Amino acid sequence: MSLTRKLILLITSTVFMITLITAGWGFYVSNHQLDELFDAELAQSTRIVQGLVEHLSSTQSIEQLAFTLSKTLELPDALFQGDEEEDEILPDGAGHKYERKIAFEVWSPDQQPVLDTLRANDAQGLEPGFAWQEAAGYQWRTFTMRDTSTGFWIRTAQREDVRDELSQEIALGNVLPFLLALPLLAIAVLASIQVSFKPLRKLEKPVRNMAPENIHPLDDRQAPKEVAGLVHAVNGLLRRLNQALERERRFSADAAHELRTPLAALRLNLEKVYGDNPEQYGDLIQAVDRMVHLVEQMLLLSRVDSGAQFPPEHHNLSSILEQSIADVAPLALKKNIEPVLQDETGQSLISCHSALINTLMRSLLANAIQYSPPHTIITTNLVPAGEGYAISVCDQGPGIPAEERERALSRFVRLDQRKGGGAGLGLAIARRIAELHGGHLILADRADGQPGLCVQVWLPARCPALTKRS
């Protein structure tokens, strides 16, 4: 899992859990506080009715008091037409439909009902304080008190469902913003992490595009403090790696240069005595020739790996292939091998370094000739492919097992079943030249199912790597 995704999951899940806990606790506390507030309002309403009863009872009889309280506190049914559950204000400002969900009861000192909008018929066992009462199919929250000066009992009641509805709406109103903010918070976290990791992506790009022949330290000026030590360590590693590669290239080039002169002198001396005893010195001359060939390959490989500039020019790829086949024709004649060119392009213009492409083809053709049995055919195909050209060199030799092909492209590797006198550099040089031109080289089986090996090369018509170097 990527670090970005892990941070997003950890931060958002942590914030989500904290928000849920906070929202749940806020919902509980809000409900509790609202219940306390409703109880306080219930007690206050009871005291208002108590004051009204105390005032009226001093001037009115019980019958007159009942009539006055009913006229004042019991709302006529005519005001409540339609659905009682609708939460709306009554027409002409007459009141609110929730008024039907509040009830009042008044009893005389001898507990005779004076006003009963609750219709609970529970005058017996009156107790002061808060309680729950069932009436008209609903649960009611009640507050009962006794006026000590007049002896009247007063009770005010609220329907439980109304209290719950109001308290939950208010509590949800307090909690909902937190829940709605979670997606916005996740987006903000994602954007913040992306912006914070932008300097790391800038450091990643040069490392991904860095080539062995062009190793350079990373720019640590914009590196965050948290990874500055890592950047410095990577720069140190890159410097040491560049120095090691430079020493290797310098050693290969110096060794090859130093070997050319003594090998040339050795071959001249062997040629002088070759005429006197061809059988004795013929094998020695062939061995010296193989060493000379190895030195030339090492020099070419060193030059290719060193990042030397190869200015590209437009050439006819068909002509280069024809020249390469002509160069290896003497080797093919010695084994009675027929090299065949199948060109489906006619004229294939390509931006390349012709000498390097010629070296690539001669290396592949010489390799195919060396490991093909006598009286066979080596076929070279050239076809257009995408924005470039595909070249395949197919022989009728023993081939290379699929699991060994990548190793066969390594330097100084010769497989046991591929007998010959080479140094194991031909395929490595060919692949490096193809990569230098922006192409690639792979080893594959023959398409016709016959034994043998097909080396497939793709080269772009315009080489970006060489164009950049020029």
Protein backbone atom coordinates (compact mmCIF):
# COMPACT_ATOMS: atom_id res chain seq x y z
CA MET A 1 0.00 0.00 0.00
CA SER A 2 1.30 3.45 -0.91
CA LEU A 3 2.20 5.93 1.80
CA THR A 4 -0.38 8.40 0.46
CA ARG A 5 -3.20 5.87 0.68
CA LYS A 6 -2.09 4.72 4.12
CA LEU A 7 -2.02 8.29 5.46
CA ILE A 8 -5.43 9.04 3.95
CA LEU A 9 -6.94 5.91 5.51
CA LEU A 10 -5.35 6.51 8.91
CA ILE A 11 -6.24 10.20 9.11
CA THR A 12 -9.78 9.88 7.75
CA SER A 13 -10.57 6.81 9.87
CA THR A 14 -9.21 8.50 13.00
CA VAL A 15 -11.16 11.69 12.31
CA PHE A 16 -14.23 9.62 11.44
CA MET A 17 -14.10 7.74 14.74
CA ILE A 18 -13.50 10.93 16.73
CA THR A 19 -16.34 12.67 14.89
CA LEU A 20 -18.72 9.76 15.50
CA ILE A 21 -17.85 9.64 19.19
CA THR A 22 -18.20 13.42 19.46
CA ALA A 23 -21.46 13.39 17.51
CA GLY A 24 -22.89 10.56 19.65
CA TRP A 25 -21.89 12.26 22.85
CA GLY A 26 -23.24 15.60 21.59
CA PHE A 27 -26.50 13.95 20.59
CA TYR A 28 -26.87 12.37 24.03
CA VAL A 29 -25.98 15.56 25.90
CA SER A 30 -28.26 17.67 23.69
CA ASN A 31 -31.18 15.32 24.29
CA HIS A 32 -30.57 15.35 28.01
CA GLN A 33 -30.29 19.13 28.21
CA LEU A 34 -33.40 19.57 26.06
CA ASP A 35 -35.34 17.21 28.32
CA GLU A 36 -34.25 19.35 31.26
CA LEU A 37 -35.34 22.47 29.39
CA PHE A 38 -38.75 20.97 28.54
CA ASP A 39 -39.22 19.94 32.18
CA ALA A 40 -38.37 23.48 33.26
CA GLU A 41 -40.90 24.89 30.78
CA LEU A 42 -43.46 22.37 32.03
CA ALA A 43 -42.91 23.49 35.63
CA GLN A 44 -43.04 27.14 34.58
CA SER A 45 -46.36 26.62 32.77
CA THR A 46 -47.75 24.93 35.87
CA ARG A 47 -46.76 27.89 38.01
CA ILE A 48 -48.41 30.28 35.55
CA VAL A 49 -51.65 28.29 35.82
CA GLN A 50 -51.22 28.26 39.62
CA GLY A 51 -51.03 32.06 39.64
CA LEU A 52 -54.12 32.27 37.44
CA VAL A 53 -56.07 29.88 39.70
CA GLU A 54 -54.98 31.74 42.85
CA HIS A 55 -56.11 35.04 41.37
CA LEU A 56 -59.47 33.80 40.10
CA SER A 57 -60.37 31.66 43.12
CA SER A 58 -60.48 34.69 45.37
CA THR A 59 -63.38 36.23 43.41
CA GLN A 60 -65.11 33.31 41.69
CA SER A 61 -66.98 30.24 42.76
CA ILE A 62 -65.83 26.77 41.71
CA GLU A 63 -68.33 26.74 38.82
CA GLN A 64 -67.25 30.17 37.61
CA LEU A 65 -63.58 29.21 37.99
CA ALA A 66 -64.10 26.03 35.93
CA PHE A 67 -65.81 28.05 33.19
CA THR A 68 -63.06 30.71 33.12
CA LEU A 69 -60.23 28.16 33.05
CA SER A 70 -61.94 26.16 30.32
CA LYS A 71 -62.48 29.31 28.30
CA THR A 72 -58.84 30.30 28.73
CA LEU A 73 -56.90 27.01 28.54
CA GLU A 74 -59.11 24.53 26.66
CA LEU A 75 -58.87 25.29 22.93
CA PRO A 76 -61.99 24.79 20.75
CA ASP A 77 -61.93 21.94 18.21
CA ALA A 78 -62.89 24.36 15.43
CA LEU A 79 -59.34 25.70 15.40
CA PHE A 80 -57.89 22.27 14.58
CA GLN A 81 -59.34 21.13 11.31
CA GLY A 82 -57.36 18.68 9.17
CA ASP A 83 -54.30 16.61 10.08
CA GLU A 84 -53.21 17.23 13.63
CA GLU A 85 -49.76 15.82 12.92
CA GLU A 86 -48.88 18.67 10.58
CA ASP A 87 -46.45 21.06 12.20
CA GLU A 88 -47.82 24.40 11.13
CA ILE A 89 -49.19 27.65 12.46
CA LEU A 90 -52.98 27.96 12.56
CA PRO A 91 -54.67 30.36 10.13
CA ASP A 92 -54.96 34.04 11.06
CA GLY A 93 -52.41 33.62 13.82
CA ALA A 94 -54.90 31.75 15.99
CA GLY A 95 -52.13 29.59 17.47
CA HIS A 96 -50.14 26.50 16.73
CA LYS A 97 -51.27 22.91 16.30
CA TYR A 98 -48.77 21.79 18.87
CA GLU A 99 -50.99 23.45 21.48
CA ARG A 100 -53.18 20.31 21.36
CA LYS A 101 -50.18 18.36 22.57
CA ILE A 102 -50.09 20.32 25.86
CA ALA A 103 -52.73 19.58 28.51
CA PHE A 104 -53.80 21.13 31.83
CA GLU A 105 -55.61 19.69 34.83
CA VAL A 106 -56.92 21.54 37.92
CA TRP A 107 -58.52 20.00 41.01
CA SER A 108 -60.23 21.66 43.94
CA PRO A 109 -58.87 21.20 47.47
CA ASP A 110 -61.19 18.22 47.90
CA GLN A 111 -59.78 16.79 44.60
CA GLN A 112 -62.84 17.50 42.49
CA PRO A 113 -61.97 18.17 38.83
CA VAL A 114 -62.18 21.83 37.84
CA LEU A 115 -60.34 21.60 34.48
CA ASP A 116 -59.30 18.42 32.64
CA THR A 117 -57.94 18.76 29.10
CA LEU A 118 -55.83 15.62 29.58
CA ARG A 119 -58.86 13.45 30.48
CA ALA A 120 -56.77 11.00 32.44
CA ASN A 121 -59.23 10.66 35.34
CA ASP A 122 -56.47 10.11 37.89
CA ALA A 123 -57.37 12.48 40.72
CA GLN A 124 -56.76 9.74 43.23
CA GLY A 125 -53.24 9.52 44.60
CA LEU A 126 -52.03 12.93 43.45
CA GLU A 127 -48.34 13.45 44.18
CA PRO A 128 -46.36 16.62 43.53
CA GLY A 129 -43.43 16.52 41.10
CA PHE A 130 -42.62 15.07 37.70
CA ALA A 131 -44.15 11.78 36.48
CA TRP A 132 -45.27 9.89 33.40
CA GLN A 133 -48.94 9.41 32.63
CA GLU A 134 -50.75 7.48 29.90
CA ALA A 135 -53.82 9.10 28.36
CA ALA A 136 -55.57 9.17 24.98
CA GLY A 137 -53.19 6.52 23.66
CA TYR A 138 -50.02 8.55 24.36
CA GLN A 139 -47.40 8.84 27.05
CA TRP A 140 -47.39 12.25 28.73
CA ARG A 141 -44.72 13.96 30.81
CA THR A 142 -46.47 15.66 33.74
CA PHE A 143 -45.63 18.11 36.51
CA THR A 144 -48.00 18.32 39.46
CA MET A 145 -48.01 20.84 42.28
CA ARG A 146 -50.37 21.89 45.13
CA ASP A 147 -51.03 25.53 45.87
CA THR A 148 -50.56 25.75 49.63
CA SER A 149 -52.53 29.00 49.93
CA THR A 150 -55.69 27.83 48.11
CA GLY A 151 -55.35 24.04 48.29
CA PHE A 152 -55.87 23.61 44.54
CA TRP A 153 -53.93 20.94 42.63
CA ILE A 154 -52.52 21.92 39.23
CA ARG A 155 -50.96 19.63 36.63
CA THR A 156 -49.43 20.46 33.22
CA ALA A 157 -48.63 17.67 30.70
CA GLN A 158 -46.68 17.38 27.43
CA ARG A 159 -46.90 14.49 24.95
CA GLU A 160 -43.77 12.36 24.92
CA ASP A 161 -43.62 12.03 21.11
CA VAL A 162 -43.61 15.82 20.70
CA ARG A 163 -40.81 16.21 23.22
CA ASP A 164 -38.78 13.48 21.49
CA GLU A 165 -39.40 14.92 18.05
CA LEU A 166 -38.32 18.41 19.02
CA SER A 167 -35.32 17.27 21.05
CA GLN A 168 -34.08 14.94 18.30
CA GLU A 169 -34.49 17.61 15.63
CA ILE A 170 -32.52 20.11 17.66
CA ALA A 171 -29.88 17.52 18.61
CA LEU A 172 -29.51 16.37 15.01
CA GLY A 173 -29.19 20.00 13.97
CA ASN A 174 -26.18 20.25 16.28
CA VAL A 175 -24.62 16.96 15.13
CA LEU A 176 -25.41 16.98 11.40
CA PRO A 177 -22.81 19.64 10.44
CA PHE A 178 -20.07 17.40 11.82
CA LEU A 179 -21.28 14.45 9.74
CA LEU A 180 -21.66 16.54 6.59
CA ALA A 181 -18.15 17.90 7.07
CA LEU A 182 -16.58 14.42 6.92
CA PRO A 183 -16.48 14.13 3.06
CA LEU A 184 -15.12 17.67 2.82
CA LEU A 185 -12.52 16.80 5.43
CA ALA A 186 -11.50 13.66 3.48
CA ILE A 187 -11.08 15.75 0.32
CA ALA A 188 -9.06 18.34 2.24
CA VAL A 189 -6.84 15.60 3.70
CA LEU A 190 -6.28 14.10 0.24
CA ALA A 191 -5.42 17.49 -1.26
CA SER A 192 -3.08 18.32 1.64
CA ILE A 193 -1.22 15.01 1.34
CA GLN A 194 -0.92 15.37 -2.44
CA VAL A 195 0.49 18.88 -2.07
CA SER A 196 2.84 17.77 0.72
CA PHE A 197 4.19 14.87 -1.36
CA LYS A 198 4.73 17.00 -4.46
CA PRO A 199 8.42 17.64 -3.64
CA LEU A 200 8.95 13.88 -3.32
CA ARG A 201 7.47 13.31 -6.77
CA LYS A 202 9.83 15.96 -8.13
CA LEU A 203 12.72 14.02 -6.62
CA GLU A 204 11.39 10.75 -8.05
CA LYS A 205 11.28 11.90 -11.68
CA PRO A 206 15.04 12.49 -12.20
CA VAL A 207 15.87 9.18 -10.50
CA ARG A 208 13.42 7.30 -12.76
CA ASN A 209 14.86 8.90 -15.90
CA MET A 210 18.50 8.67 -14.85
CA ALA A 211 20.68 6.59 -17.18
CA PRO A 212 23.88 4.76 -16.13
CA GLU A 213 25.95 6.95 -18.43
CA ASN A 214 24.46 10.16 -16.99
CA ILE A 215 24.35 9.81 -13.21
CA HIS A 216 24.01 13.10 -11.35
CA PRO A 217 23.06 14.09 -7.77
CA LEU A 218 19.49 15.03 -6.89
CA ASP A 219 18.49 18.63 -6.28
CA ASP A 220 17.93 18.77 -2.52
CA ARG A 221 16.97 22.44 -2.33
CA GLN A 222 13.25 21.65 -2.39
CA ALA A 223 13.45 18.42 -0.41
CA PRO A 224 11.37 18.40 2.81
CA LYS A 225 13.36 18.32 6.06
CA GLU A 226 11.97 14.85 6.84
CA VAL A 227 13.68 13.31 3.76
CA ALA A 228 16.69 15.64 3.49
CA GLY A 229 18.92 13.03 5.15
CA LEU A 230 17.67 10.36 2.74
CA VAL A 231 18.33 12.63 -0.25
CA HIS A 232 21.87 13.32 0.95
CA ALA A 233 22.48 9.59 1.43
CA VAL A 234 21.13 8.84 -2.08
CA ASN A 235 23.34 11.57 -3.54
CA GLY A 236 26.34 10.01 -1.83
CA LEU A 237 25.40 6.61 -3.24
CA LEU A 238 24.96 8.08 -6.73
CA ARG A 239 28.39 9.70 -6.55
CA ARG A 240 30.02 6.45 -5.48
CA LEU A 241 28.13 4.53 -8.17
CA ASN A 242 29.16 7.04 -10.83
CA GLN A 243 32.77 6.78 -9.72
CA ALA A 244 32.64 2.97 -9.80
CA LEU A 245 31.10 2.95 -13.29
CA GLU A 246 33.61 5.49 -14.49
CA ARG A 247 36.48 3.37 -13.15
CA GLU A 248 35.01 0.30 -14.87
CA ARG A 249 34.63 2.11 -18.20
CA ARG A 250 38.09 3.63 -17.92
CA PHE A 251 39.60 0.26 -17.07
CA SER A 252 37.89 -1.45 -20.01
CA ALA A 253 38.94 1.26 -22.42
CA ASP A 254 42.53 1.44 -21.11
CA ALA A 255 42.92 -2.34 -21.11
CA ALA A 256 41.58 -2.62 -24.66
CA HIS A 257 43.87 0.16 -25.90
CA GLU A 258 46.89 -1.37 -24.20
CA LEU A 259 46.13 -4.79 -25.70
CA ARG A 260 45.75 -3.64 -29.28
CA THR A 261 49.46 -2.94 -29.89
CA PRO A 262 50.92 -6.18 -28.46
CA LEU A 263 48.22 -8.23 -30.19
CA ALA A 264 48.96 -6.57 -33.51
CA ALA A 265 52.69 -7.24 -33.04
CA LEU A 266 52.01 -10.84 -32.04
CA ARG A 267 49.92 -11.42 -35.14
CA LEU A 268 52.61 -9.95 -37.40
CA ASN A 269 55.21 -12.27 -35.91
CA LEU A 270 52.88 -15.25 -36.31
CA GLU A 271 52.25 -14.36 -39.94
CA LYS A 272 55.98 -14.38 -40.59
CA VAL A 273 56.35 -17.95 -39.39
CA TYR A 274 52.93 -19.11 -40.64
CA GLY A 275 54.26 -19.96 -44.09
CA ASP A 276 56.91 -22.31 -42.66
CA ASN A 277 54.46 -24.31 -40.57
CA PRO A 278 50.75 -23.51 -41.28
CA GLU A 279 49.37 -26.34 -39.19
CA GLN A 280 51.27 -25.31 -36.10
CA TYR A 281 50.62 -21.58 -36.25
CA GLY A 282 47.17 -21.52 -37.88
CA ASP A 283 45.34 -22.12 -34.60
CA LEU A 284 47.46 -19.48 -32.89
CA ILE A 285 46.57 -16.89 -35.51
CA GLN A 286 42.86 -17.71 -35.08
CA ALA A 287 43.21 -17.33 -31.31
CA VAL A 288 44.93 -13.95 -31.76
CA ASP A 289 42.16 -12.89 -34.16
CA ARG A 290 39.56 -13.78 -31.54
CA MET A 291 41.44 -11.71 -29.00
CA VAL A 292 41.63 -8.79 -31.41
CA HIS A 293 37.89 -9.12 -32.03
CA LEU A 294 37.27 -9.15 -28.28
CA VAL A 295 39.38 -6.03 -27.82
CA GLU A 296 37.47 -4.23 -30.59
CA GLN A 297 34.16 -5.20 -28.97
CA MET A 298 35.36 -3.99 -25.58
CA LEU A 299 36.40 -0.67 -27.09
CA LEU A 300 33.03 -0.29 -28.83
CA LEU A 301 31.14 -1.24 -25.67
CA SER A 302 33.19 1.21 -23.62
CA ARG A 303 32.47 3.99 -26.09
CA VAL A 304 28.74 3.22 -26.17
CA ASP A 305 28.50 3.05 -22.35
CA SER A 306 30.57 6.16 -21.76
CA GLY A 307 27.88 8.43 -23.17
CA ALA A 308 29.93 9.45 -26.18
CA GLN A 309 28.00 11.53 -28.67
CA PHE A 310 26.79 9.84 -31.85
CA PRO A 311 25.25 12.55 -34.06
CA PRO A 312 22.37 10.93 -35.99
CA GLU A 313 21.80 11.32 -39.69
CA HIS A 314 19.05 10.16 -42.02
CA HIS A 315 19.93 6.87 -43.68
CA ASN A 316 18.18 4.20 -45.67
CA LEU A 317 17.84 1.28 -43.27
CA SER A 318 17.50 -1.13 -46.18
CA SER A 319 20.92 -0.07 -47.49
CA ILE A 320 22.48 -0.56 -44.05
CA LEU A 321 21.08 -4.09 -43.83
CA GLU A 322 22.35 -4.92 -47.32
CA GLN A 323 25.81 -3.65 -46.39
CA SER A 324 25.80 -5.67 -43.15
CA ILE A 325 24.88 -8.87 -45.03
CA ALA A 326 27.64 -8.17 -47.53
CA ASP A 327 30.13 -7.72 -44.69
CA VAL A 328 29.40 -11.16 -43.22
CA ALA A 329 29.06 -12.92 -46.58
CA PRO A 330 32.60 -14.43 -46.41
CA LEU A 331 31.77 -16.03 -43.05
CA ALA A 332 28.54 -17.43 -44.50
CA LEU A 333 30.29 -18.85 -47.59
CA LYS A 334 32.73 -20.79 -45.42
CA LYS A 335 29.80 -22.75 -43.95
CA ASN A 336 27.67 -22.79 -47.10
CA ILE A 337 25.04 -20.68 -45.32
CA GLU A 338 22.78 -18.47 -47.39
CA PRO A 339 21.85 -15.07 -45.86
CA VAL A 340 18.51 -13.80 -47.23
CA LEU A 341 17.04 -10.29 -46.89
CA GLN A 342 13.26 -9.86 -47.07
CA ASP A 343 12.56 -6.15 -47.25
CA GLU A 344 8.90 -5.05 -47.21
CA THR A 345 9.67 -1.34 -46.92
CA GLY A 346 11.41 -0.52 -50.17
CA GLN A 347 12.99 2.64 -48.83
CA SER A 348 13.05 3.00 -45.05
CA LEU A 349 14.47 6.33 -43.91
CA ILE A 350 15.61 6.38 -40.29
CA SER A 351 17.46 8.85 -38.11
CA CYS A 352 20.37 6.85 -36.72
CA HIS A 353 24.10 6.39 -36.52
CA SER A 354 24.76 4.14 -39.51
CA ALA A 355 28.04 2.65 -38.19
CA LEU A 356 26.37 1.59 -34.94
CA ILE A 357 23.38 0.04 -36.74
CA ASN A 358 25.82 -1.74 -39.05
CA THR A 359 27.69 -3.04 -35.99
CA LEU A 360 24.39 -4.21 -34.46
CA MET A 361 23.41 -6.11 -37.62
CA ARG A 362 26.86 -7.61 -38.20
CA SER A 363 26.91 -8.81 -34.60
CA LEU A 364 23.50 -10.50 -34.97
CA LEU A 365 24.34 -12.01 -38.38
CA ALA A 366 27.77 -13.24 -37.26
CA ASN A 367 26.18 -14.77 -34.16
CA ALA A 368 23.55 -16.52 -36.31
CA ILE A 369 26.20 -17.82 -38.76
CA GLN A 370 28.42 -19.08 -35.94
CA TYR A 371 25.68 -21.24 -34.38
CA SER A 372 23.81 -22.35 -37.51
CA PRO A 373 24.59 -25.72 -39.10
CA PRO A 374 26.03 -25.76 -42.65
CA HIS A 375 23.73 -25.60 -45.69
CA THR A 376 21.03 -23.61 -43.87
CA ILE A 377 19.41 -20.24 -44.46
CA ILE A 378 19.54 -17.13 -42.27
CA THR A 379 16.59 -14.85 -42.95
CA THR A 380 16.62 -11.14 -42.22
CA ASN A 381 13.18 -9.46 -42.32
CA LEU A 382 12.54 -5.72 -42.39
CA VAL A 383 8.96 -4.50 -41.97
CA PRO A 384 7.32 -1.22 -40.86
CA ALA A 385 6.06 -1.34 -37.26
CA GLY A 386 4.31 1.59 -35.63
CA GLU A 387 6.45 4.71 -35.83
CA GLY A 388 9.55 2.72 -36.72
CA TYR A 389 10.79 -0.53 -38.21
CA ALA A 390 11.06 -4.11 -36.98
CA ILE A 391 14.07 -6.22 -37.93
CA SER A 392 14.26 -9.95 -37.26
CA VAL A 393 17.26 -12.25 -37.84
CA CYS A 394 16.17 -15.91 -37.79
CA ASP A 395 18.59 -18.85 -37.94
CA GLN A 396 18.18 -22.64 -37.93
CA GLY A 397 20.51 -23.34 -35.04
CA PRO A 398 19.82 -24.96 -31.67
CA GLY A 399 18.03 -21.86 -30.30
CA ILE A 400 18.02 -20.65 -26.71
CA PRO A 401 15.57 -21.88 -24.03
CA ALA A 402 13.11 -19.21 -22.91
CA GLU A 403 14.37 -19.24 -19.33
CA GLU A 404 17.97 -18.57 -20.49
CA ARG A 405 17.31 -15.74 -22.95
CA GLU A 406 17.65 -12.84 -20.56
CA ARG A 407 20.94 -14.21 -19.26
CA ALA A 408 22.14 -14.69 -22.84
CA LEU A 409 21.82 -10.92 -23.34
CA SER A 410 24.19 -10.23 -20.45
CA ARG A 411 27.83 -9.37 -21.00
CA PHE A 412 30.45 -12.12 -21.13
CA VAL A 413 27.82 -14.85 -20.96
CA ARG A 414 28.02 -17.84 -23.28
CA LEU A 415 25.51 -20.62 -22.76
CA ASP A 416 26.73 -24.21 -22.74
CA GLN A 417 24.60 -25.28 -25.66
CA ARG A 418 25.85 -22.39 -27.82
CA LYS A 419 29.31 -23.60 -28.78
CA GLY A 420 31.61 -21.11 -30.46
CA GLY A 421 34.64 -18.88 -30.07
CA GLY A 422 32.99 -15.61 -29.12
CA ALA A 423 33.39 -13.71 -25.87
CA GLY A 424 29.72 -13.34 -25.06
CA LEU A 425 29.54 -9.63 -25.93
CA GLY A 426 27.78 -9.66 -29.31
CA LEU A 427 24.17 -9.75 -28.11
CA ALA A 428 24.92 -7.37 -25.22
CA ILE A 429 26.41 -4.81 -27.60
CA ALA A 430 23.51 -5.22 -30.04
CA ARG A 431 20.93 -4.62 -27.31
CA ARG A 432 22.85 -1.60 -25.98
CA ILE A 433 22.98 -0.04 -29.46
CA ALA A 434 19.23 -0.63 -29.92
CA GLU A 435 18.52 1.03 -26.56
CA LEU A 436 20.80 3.93 -27.46
CA HIS A 437 18.60 4.55 -30.51
CA GLY A 438 15.40 4.41 -28.43
CA GLY A 439 14.53 0.86 -29.52
CA HIS A 440 14.68 -2.59 -27.97
CA LEU A 441 15.95 -6.11 -28.69
CA ILE A 442 14.39 -9.42 -27.64
CA LEU A 443 15.04 -13.12 -28.28
CA ALA A 444 12.14 -15.25 -29.53
CA ASP A 445 11.27 -18.55 -31.22
CA ARG A 446 10.81 -18.85 -34.96
CA ALA A 447 7.26 -18.11 -36.07
CA ASP A 448 7.16 -21.19 -38.37
CA GLY A 449 7.77 -23.60 -35.48
CA GLN A 450 11.13 -24.83 -36.81
CA PRO A 451 14.15 -25.04 -34.48
CA GLY A 452 16.25 -21.92 -34.31
CA LEU A 453 16.36 -18.46 -32.81
CA CYS A 454 14.82 -15.16 -33.93
CA VAL A 455 16.43 -11.97 -32.70
CA GLN A 456 13.85 -9.18 -33.01
CA VAL A 457 14.88 -5.53 -33.02
CA TRP A 458 12.60 -2.50 -33.14
CA LEU A 459 14.03 0.92 -34.04
CA PRO A 460 12.10 4.20 -34.14
CA ALA A 461 12.20 6.19 -37.37
CA ARG A 462 13.35 9.18 -35.34
CA CYS A 463 15.70 8.46 -32.47
CA PRO A 464 14.97 10.72 -29.49
CA ALA A 465 18.05 9.66 -27.52
CA LEU A 466 20.54 10.43 -30.27
CA THR A 467 18.74 13.63 -31.24
CA LYS A 468 19.00 14.80 -27.63
CA ARG A 469 22.73 14.06 -27.51
CA SER A 470 23.55 15.90 -30.70
